[in-house]
Amino acid sequence: MAEEKNPFIDIKYPDKVGPPMKDEHFLRGSTPMHKAAALLNMEEVDKLLANGSTDVDTGDVLDQTPLVLLARNHYDPEDVPKAVAMINKLIAAGATLTVEGKIRRDQYGDGVTHLAAMASGKNGHTVLEALVNALPAGDKAQLCSARCKNFGNTAVRALSPIPHFIYSRDSLSSLPSLRSCTGRPSPAAPRRARSSSTRARASTARTG
């Protein structure tokens, strides 16, 4: 069988990212909270919250909330802990990762976990881990198994082809907070039985 092409194999990340976003990257509908959070400006976010801002869950024209931007952005290594702290701050202030029981998505159909997984080639696992930790415990496995709208990938499938990411699909299961994101079916899930006609066709193909 031919080896599957890896579309990520030639990705080269810059050594230095600098600010995660520039002014021209913020789309119509962006709020001061989008800008302060995405630029990791903790002091400005605290000021907005103190003044009664309720924009922690506001989406821009593409339904990107501040958390969505934080999930998808690339960071320099020293900024990754700041991004995690910002994610935790927004969640504590009421930002949500789900909508009506389903993973929050932008208008492209990518969920916050998909975006964080794709960005993990640059960021490492901690941003994704912070988001997974904050998912509702009872629904975590289901939410982690959500597939993106364009390619049908789970977060782990989006993550696993990226060669720069140091955790393989199997080694993800050793990280307690990410075990439910391994995308493996439940051991109790029965395999779908093949019909007798399907078995007959398979037998004919082998002996023909």
C-alpha atoms as a PDB file:
ATOM      1  CA  MET A   1       0.000   0.000   0.000  1.00  0.00           C
ATOM      2  CA  ALA A   2       1.344   3.427  -0.928  1.00  0.00           C
ATOM      3  CA  GLU A   3       2.492   5.586   1.979  1.00  0.00           C
ATOM      4  CA  GLU A   4       0.070   8.394   2.818  1.00  0.00           C
ATOM      5  CA  LYS A   5       1.323  11.824   1.786  1.00  0.00           C
ATOM      6  CA  ASN A   6       1.959  14.110   4.725  1.00  0.00           C
ATOM      7  CA  PRO A   7       0.794  17.651   3.862  1.00  0.00           C
ATOM      8  CA  PHE A   8       2.627  19.060   6.883  1.00  0.00           C
ATOM      9  CA  ILE A   9       6.062  17.617   6.217  1.00  0.00           C
ATOM     10  CA  ASP A  10       7.511  20.782   4.676  1.00  0.00           C
ATOM     11  CA  ILE A  11       6.171  23.178   7.296  1.00  0.00           C
ATOM     12  CA  LYS A  12       8.939  25.468   8.548  1.00  0.00           C
ATOM     13  CA  TYR A  13       8.148  27.668  11.511  1.00  0.00           C
ATOM     14  CA  PRO A  14      10.016  30.941  12.038  1.00  0.00           C
ATOM     15  CA  ASP A  15      12.394  30.950  14.970  1.00  0.00           C
ATOM     16  CA  LYS A  16      10.811  34.127  16.312  1.00  0.00           C
ATOM     17  CA  VAL A  17       7.086  34.854  16.115  1.00  0.00           C
ATOM     18  CA  GLY A  18       6.901  38.170  17.944  1.00  0.00           C
ATOM     19  CA  PRO A  19       3.402  39.463  18.794  1.00  0.00           C
ATOM     20  CA  PRO A  20       0.877  36.666  18.115  1.00  0.00           C
ATOM     21  CA  MET A  21      -1.263  39.006  15.978  1.00  0.00           C
ATOM     22  CA  LYS A  22      -1.008  42.386  14.263  1.00  0.00           C
ATOM     23  CA  ASP A  23      -3.703  45.038  14.002  1.00  0.00           C
ATOM     24  CA  GLU A  24      -4.557  44.032  10.435  1.00  0.00           C
ATOM     25  CA  HIS A  25      -5.241  40.448  11.567  1.00  0.00           C
ATOM     26  CA  PHE A  26      -8.248  41.446  13.660  1.00  0.00           C
ATOM     27  CA  LEU A  27     -11.442  41.111  11.645  1.00  0.00           C
ATOM     28  CA  ARG A  28     -14.698  43.027  11.624  1.00  0.00           C
ATOM     29  CA  GLY A  29     -16.528  42.486  14.875  1.00  0.00           C
ATOM     30  CA  SER A  30     -13.369  42.223  16.962  1.00  0.00           C
ATOM     31  CA  THR A  31     -13.667  43.870  20.363  1.00  0.00           C
ATOM     32  CA  PRO A  32     -11.087  45.389  22.683  1.00  0.00           C
ATOM     33  CA  MET A  33     -11.225  42.053  24.539  1.00  0.00           C
ATOM     34  CA  HIS A  34     -10.211  40.175  21.376  1.00  0.00           C
ATOM     35  CA  LYS A  35      -7.191  42.431  20.954  1.00  0.00           C
ATOM     36  CA  ALA A  36      -6.086  42.499  24.579  1.00  0.00           C
ATOM     37  CA  ALA A  37      -6.465  38.727  25.031  1.00  0.00           C
ATOM     38  CA  ALA A  38      -4.843  37.719  21.730  1.00  0.00           C
ATOM     39  CA  LEU A  39      -1.890  40.020  22.402  1.00  0.00           C
ATOM     40  CA  LEU A  40      -1.542  38.508  25.908  1.00  0.00           C
ATOM     41  CA  ASN A  41      -2.064  41.886  27.554  1.00  0.00           C
ATOM     42  CA  MET A  42      -3.131  40.675  30.985  1.00  0.00           C
ATOM     43  CA  GLU A  43      -3.303  44.169  32.474  1.00  0.00           C
ATOM     44  CA  GLU A  44      -5.665  45.393  29.758  1.00  0.00           C
ATOM     45  CA  VAL A  45      -7.883  42.307  30.078  1.00  0.00           C
ATOM     46  CA  ASP A  46      -8.095  42.868  33.846  1.00  0.00           C
ATOM     47  CA  LYS A  47      -9.066  46.486  33.202  1.00  0.00           C
ATOM     48  CA  LEU A  48     -11.781  45.487  30.705  1.00  0.00           C
ATOM     49  CA  LEU A  49     -13.193  42.911  33.101  1.00  0.00           C
ATOM     50  CA  ALA A  50     -13.139  45.406  35.983  1.00  0.00           C
ATOM     51  CA  ASN A  51     -15.099  47.841  33.793  1.00  0.00           C
ATOM     52  CA  GLY A  52     -17.782  45.227  33.176  1.00  0.00           C
ATOM     53  CA  SER A  53     -16.830  43.881  29.749  1.00  0.00           C
ATOM     54  CA  THR A  54     -18.898  40.857  28.750  1.00  0.00           C
ATOM     55  CA  ASP A  55     -16.994  40.219  25.512  1.00  0.00           C
ATOM     56  CA  VAL A  56     -15.104  37.126  26.688  1.00  0.00           C
ATOM     57  CA  ASP A  57     -17.501  35.049  24.566  1.00  0.00           C
ATOM     58  CA  THR A  58     -18.156  37.512  21.730  1.00  0.00           C
ATOM     59  CA  GLY A  59     -17.345  36.305  18.234  1.00  0.00           C
ATOM     60  CA  ASP A  60     -16.032  38.371  15.348  1.00  0.00           C
ATOM     61  CA  VAL A  61     -17.362  38.097  11.796  1.00  0.00           C
ATOM     62  CA  LEU A  62     -15.981  34.526  11.621  1.00  0.00           C
ATOM     63  CA  ASP A  63     -17.300  33.554  15.079  1.00  0.00           C
ATOM     64  CA  GLN A  64     -13.797  33.727  16.504  1.00  0.00           C
ATOM     65  CA  THR A  65     -14.028  34.463  20.211  1.00  0.00           C
ATOM     66  CA  PRO A  66     -10.959  35.543  22.182  1.00  0.00           C
ATOM     67  CA  LEU A  67     -10.464  31.874  23.169  1.00  0.00           C
ATOM     68  CA  VAL A  68     -10.549  30.799  19.519  1.00  0.00           C
ATOM     69  CA  LEU A  69      -7.791  33.296  18.710  1.00  0.00           C
ATOM     70  CA  LEU A  70      -5.713  32.103  21.655  1.00  0.00           C
ATOM     71  CA  ALA A  71      -6.129  28.502  20.512  1.00  0.00           C
ATOM     72  CA  ARG A  72      -5.011  29.109  16.922  1.00  0.00           C
ATOM     73  CA  ASN A  73      -2.164  31.596  17.371  1.00  0.00           C
ATOM     74  CA  HIS A  74       1.527  30.693  17.297  1.00  0.00           C
ATOM     75  CA  TYR A  75       3.711  31.824  20.196  1.00  0.00           C
ATOM     76  CA  ASP A  76       7.351  32.199  21.049  1.00  0.00           C
ATOM     77  CA  PRO A  77       8.330  29.712  23.795  1.00  0.00           C
ATOM     78  CA  GLU A  78       8.374  32.381  26.492  1.00  0.00           C
ATOM     79  CA  ASP A  79       4.817  33.431  25.558  1.00  0.00           C
ATOM     80  CA  VAL A  80       3.221  29.969  25.761  1.00  0.00           C
ATOM     81  CA  PRO A  81       2.734  30.132  29.569  1.00  0.00           C
ATOM     82  CA  LYS A  82       1.195  33.596  29.121  1.00  0.00           C
ATOM     83  CA  ALA A  83      -1.251  32.188  26.584  1.00  0.00           C
ATOM     84  CA  VAL A  84      -2.211  29.397  28.989  1.00  0.00           C
ATOM     85  CA  ALA A  85      -2.689  31.929  31.799  1.00  0.00           C
ATOM     86  CA  MET A  86      -4.870  34.059  29.517  1.00  0.00           C
ATOM     87  CA  ILE A  87      -6.987  31.051  28.537  1.00  0.00           C
ATOM     88  CA  ASN A  88      -7.540  30.218  32.209  1.00  0.00           C
ATOM     89  CA  LYS A  89      -8.366  33.841  33.033  1.00  0.00           C
ATOM     90  CA  LEU A  90     -10.987  34.110  30.289  1.00  0.00           C
ATOM     91  CA  ILE A  91     -12.578  30.804  31.250  1.00  0.00           C
ATOM     92  CA  ALA A  92     -12.743  31.943  34.870  1.00  0.00           C
ATOM     93  CA  ALA A  93     -14.455  35.113  33.603  1.00  0.00           C
ATOM     94  CA  GLY A  94     -17.124  33.110  31.754  1.00  0.00           C
ATOM     95  CA  ALA A  95     -15.657  32.267  28.348  1.00  0.00           C
ATOM     96  CA  THR A  96     -16.968  28.950  27.049  1.00  0.00           C
ATOM     97  CA  LEU A  97     -15.483  26.136  24.972  1.00  0.00           C
ATOM     98  CA  THR A  98     -18.812  24.612  23.997  1.00  0.00           C
ATOM     99  CA  VAL A  99     -22.032  25.789  22.373  1.00  0.00           C
ATOM    100  CA  GLU A 100     -25.193  23.799  23.103  1.00  0.00           C
ATOM    101  CA  GLY A 101     -23.117  20.812  24.173  1.00  0.00           C
ATOM    102  CA  LYS A 102     -20.832  20.838  21.119  1.00  0.00           C
ATOM    103  CA  ILE A 103     -17.253  22.058  20.749  1.00  0.00           C
ATOM    104  CA  ARG A 104     -17.051  25.762  19.895  1.00  0.00           C
ATOM    105  CA  ARG A 105     -16.133  26.319  16.248  1.00  0.00           C
ATOM    106  CA  ASP A 106     -15.297  29.193  13.952  1.00  0.00           C
ATOM    107  CA  GLN A 107     -17.154  29.631  10.667  1.00  0.00           C
ATOM    108  CA  TYR A 108     -14.586  27.463   8.892  1.00  0.00           C
ATOM    109  CA  GLY A 109     -15.788  24.541  11.018  1.00  0.00           C
ATOM    110  CA  ASP A 110     -12.637  24.170  13.122  1.00  0.00           C
ATOM    111  CA  GLY A 111     -13.120  23.680  16.850  1.00  0.00           C
ATOM    112  CA  VAL A 112     -10.899  25.209  19.509  1.00  0.00           C
ATOM    113  CA  THR A 113      -9.201  21.846  20.086  1.00  0.00           C
ATOM    114  CA  HIS A 114      -8.559  21.401  16.335  1.00  0.00           C
ATOM    115  CA  LEU A 115      -6.989  24.861  16.135  1.00  0.00           C
ATOM    116  CA  ALA A 116      -4.809  24.290  19.200  1.00  0.00           C
ATOM    117  CA  ALA A 117      -3.726  20.897  17.846  1.00  0.00           C
ATOM    118  CA  MET A 118      -2.712  22.385  14.490  1.00  0.00           C
ATOM    119  CA  ALA A 119      -0.782  25.152  16.251  1.00  0.00           C
ATOM    120  CA  SER A 120       0.994  22.608  18.466  1.00  0.00           C
ATOM    121  CA  GLY A 121       3.675  22.176  15.826  1.00  0.00           C
ATOM    122  CA  LYS A 122       4.964  25.525  17.058  1.00  0.00           C
ATOM    123  CA  ASN A 123       3.520  25.807  20.562  1.00  0.00           C
ATOM    124  CA  GLY A 124       3.947  22.340  22.035  1.00  0.00           C
ATOM    125  CA  HIS A 125       1.158  20.634  23.974  1.00  0.00           C
ATOM    126  CA  THR A 126       0.398  23.047  26.823  1.00  0.00           C
ATOM    127  CA  VAL A 127      -2.155  25.298  25.082  1.00  0.00           C
ATOM    128  CA  LEU A 128      -4.107  22.265  23.879  1.00  0.00           C
ATOM    129  CA  GLU A 129      -3.810  20.682  27.311  1.00  0.00           C
ATOM    130  CA  ALA A 130      -5.191  23.808  29.008  1.00  0.00           C
ATOM    131  CA  LEU A 131      -8.224  23.757  26.723  1.00  0.00           C
ATOM    132  CA  VAL A 132      -8.836  20.029  27.229  1.00  0.00           C
ATOM    133  CA  ASN A 133      -8.534  20.451  31.002  1.00  0.00           C
ATOM    134  CA  ALA A 134     -11.306  23.045  30.882  1.00  0.00           C
ATOM    135  CA  LEU A 135     -13.780  20.892  28.935  1.00  0.00           C
ATOM    136  CA  PRO A 136     -16.746  19.503  30.914  1.00  0.00           C
ATOM    137  CA  ALA A 137     -15.470  16.288  32.478  1.00  0.00           C
ATOM    138  CA  GLY A 138     -18.491  14.183  31.579  1.00  0.00           C
ATOM    139  CA  ASP A 139     -18.405  15.184  27.906  1.00  0.00           C
ATOM    140  CA  LYS A 140     -14.645  15.375  27.409  1.00  0.00           C
ATOM    141  CA  ALA A 141     -14.253  12.217  25.324  1.00  0.00           C
ATOM    142  CA  GLN A 142     -17.129  13.148  23.041  1.00  0.00           C
ATOM    143  CA  LEU A 143     -15.918  16.728  22.595  1.00  0.00           C
ATOM    144  CA  CYS A 144     -12.365  15.590  21.865  1.00  0.00           C
ATOM    145  CA  SER A 145     -13.711  13.204  19.230  1.00  0.00           C
ATOM    146  CA  ALA A 146     -15.490  16.006  17.339  1.00  0.00           C
ATOM    147  CA  ARG A 147     -14.432  16.199  13.712  1.00  0.00           C
ATOM    148  CA  CYS A 148     -13.630  19.377  11.805  1.00  0.00           C
ATOM    149  CA  LYS A 149     -16.087  20.270   9.054  1.00  0.00           C
ATOM    150  CA  ASN A 150     -13.632  20.464   6.145  1.00  0.00           C
ATOM    151  CA  PHE A 151     -11.514  17.298   6.447  1.00  0.00           C
ATOM    152  CA  GLY A 152     -13.291  15.243   9.086  1.00  0.00           C
ATOM    153  CA  ASN A 153     -10.236  15.188  11.363  1.00  0.00           C
ATOM    154  CA  THR A 154     -10.387  14.873  15.119  1.00  0.00           C
ATOM    155  CA  ALA A 155      -8.038  17.084  17.113  1.00  0.00           C
ATOM    156  CA  VAL A 156      -5.551  14.203  17.444  1.00  0.00           C
ATOM    157  CA  ARG A 157      -5.657  13.482  13.706  1.00  0.00           C
ATOM    158  CA  ALA A 158      -4.936  17.169  13.097  1.00  0.00           C
ATOM    159  CA  LEU A 159      -2.085  16.941  15.585  1.00  0.00           C
ATOM    160  CA  SER A 160      -0.437  13.623  14.746  1.00  0.00           C
ATOM    161  CA  PRO A 161       0.986  14.325  11.255  1.00  0.00           C
ATOM    162  CA  ILE A 162       2.972  17.363  12.349  1.00  0.00           C
ATOM    163  CA  PRO A 163       6.601  16.265  12.648  1.00  0.00           C
ATOM    164  CA  HIS A 164       7.657  19.150  14.891  1.00  0.00           C
ATOM    165  CA  PHE A 165       5.243  18.051  17.618  1.00  0.00           C
ATOM    166  CA  ILE A 166       7.092  15.739  19.990  1.00  0.00           C
ATOM    167  CA  TYR A 167       4.091  13.690  21.146  1.00  0.00           C
ATOM    168  CA  SER A 168       2.843  10.891  18.913  1.00  0.00           C
ATOM    169  CA  ARG A 169      -0.749   9.670  18.927  1.00  0.00           C
ATOM    170  CA  ASP A 170       0.238   6.846  21.300  1.00  0.00           C
ATOM    171  CA  SER A 171       2.287   8.977  23.677  1.00  0.00           C
ATOM    172  CA  LEU A 172      -0.621  11.410  24.030  1.00  0.00           C
ATOM    173  CA  SER A 173      -2.352   8.739  26.083  1.00  0.00           C
ATOM    174  CA  SER A 174       0.367   9.095  28.717  1.00  0.00           C
ATOM    175  CA  LEU A 175      -0.708  12.689  29.359  1.00  0.00           C
ATOM    176  CA  PRO A 176      -3.663  12.274  31.758  1.00  0.00           C
ATOM    177  CA  SER A 177      -5.555  15.350  30.578  1.00  0.00           C
ATOM    178  CA  LEU A 178      -5.259  14.286  26.927  1.00  0.00           C
ATOM    179  CA  ARG A 179      -6.147  10.595  27.240  1.00  0.00           C
ATOM    180  CA  SER A 180      -9.676  11.275  26.043  1.00  0.00           C
ATOM    181  CA  CYS A 181      -8.268  12.939  22.918  1.00  0.00           C
ATOM    182  CA  THR A 182      -6.508   9.872  21.552  1.00  0.00           C
ATOM    183  CA  GLY A 183      -9.407   9.234  19.221  1.00  0.00           C
ATOM    184  CA  ARG A 184      -9.515   5.534  19.983  1.00  0.00           C
ATOM    185  CA  PRO A 185     -12.932   3.857  20.086  1.00  0.00           C
ATOM    186  CA  SER A 186     -14.218   2.579  23.381  1.00  0.00           C
ATOM    187  CA  PRO A 187     -13.081  -1.020  24.092  1.00  0.00           C
ATOM    188  CA  ALA A 188     -16.724  -1.870  24.720  1.00  0.00           C
ATOM    189  CA  ALA A 189     -17.858  -0.667  21.312  1.00  0.00           C
ATOM    190  CA  PRO A 190     -18.873  -3.700  19.239  1.00  0.00           C
ATOM    191  CA  ARG A 191     -17.429  -4.151  15.779  1.00  0.00           C
ATOM    192  CA  ARG A 192     -20.022  -3.996  13.046  1.00  0.00           C
ATOM    193  CA  ALA A 193     -20.691  -7.511  11.821  1.00  0.00           C
ATOM    194  CA  ARG A 194     -20.310  -8.091   8.117  1.00  0.00           C
ATOM    195  CA  SER A 195     -23.315  -9.505   6.314  1.00  0.00           C
ATOM    196  CA  SER A 196     -23.163 -13.041   4.885  1.00  0.00           C
ATOM    197  CA  SER A 197     -23.113 -11.644   1.343  1.00  0.00           C
ATOM    198  CA  THR A 198     -20.158  -9.406   2.213  1.00  0.00           C
ATOM    199  CA  ARG A 199     -18.292 -12.382   3.712  1.00  0.00           C
ATOM    200  CA  ALA A 200     -19.061 -14.431   0.597  1.00  0.00           C
ATOM    201  CA  ARG A 201     -17.712 -11.721  -1.705  1.00  0.00           C
ATOM    202  CA  ALA A 202     -14.551 -11.437   0.388  1.00  0.00           C
ATOM    203  CA  SER A 203     -14.035 -15.210   0.271  1.00  0.00           C
ATOM    204  CA  THR A 204     -14.525 -15.264  -3.505  1.00  0.00           C
ATOM    205  CA  ALA A 205     -12.018 -12.433  -3.951  1.00  0.00           C
ATOM    206  CA  ARG A 206      -9.390 -14.327  -1.959  1.00  0.00           C
ATOM    207  CA  THR A 207      -9.856 -17.622  -3.801  1.00  0.00           C
ATOM    208  CA  GLY A 208     -10.603 -16.271  -7.285  1.00  0.00           C
END
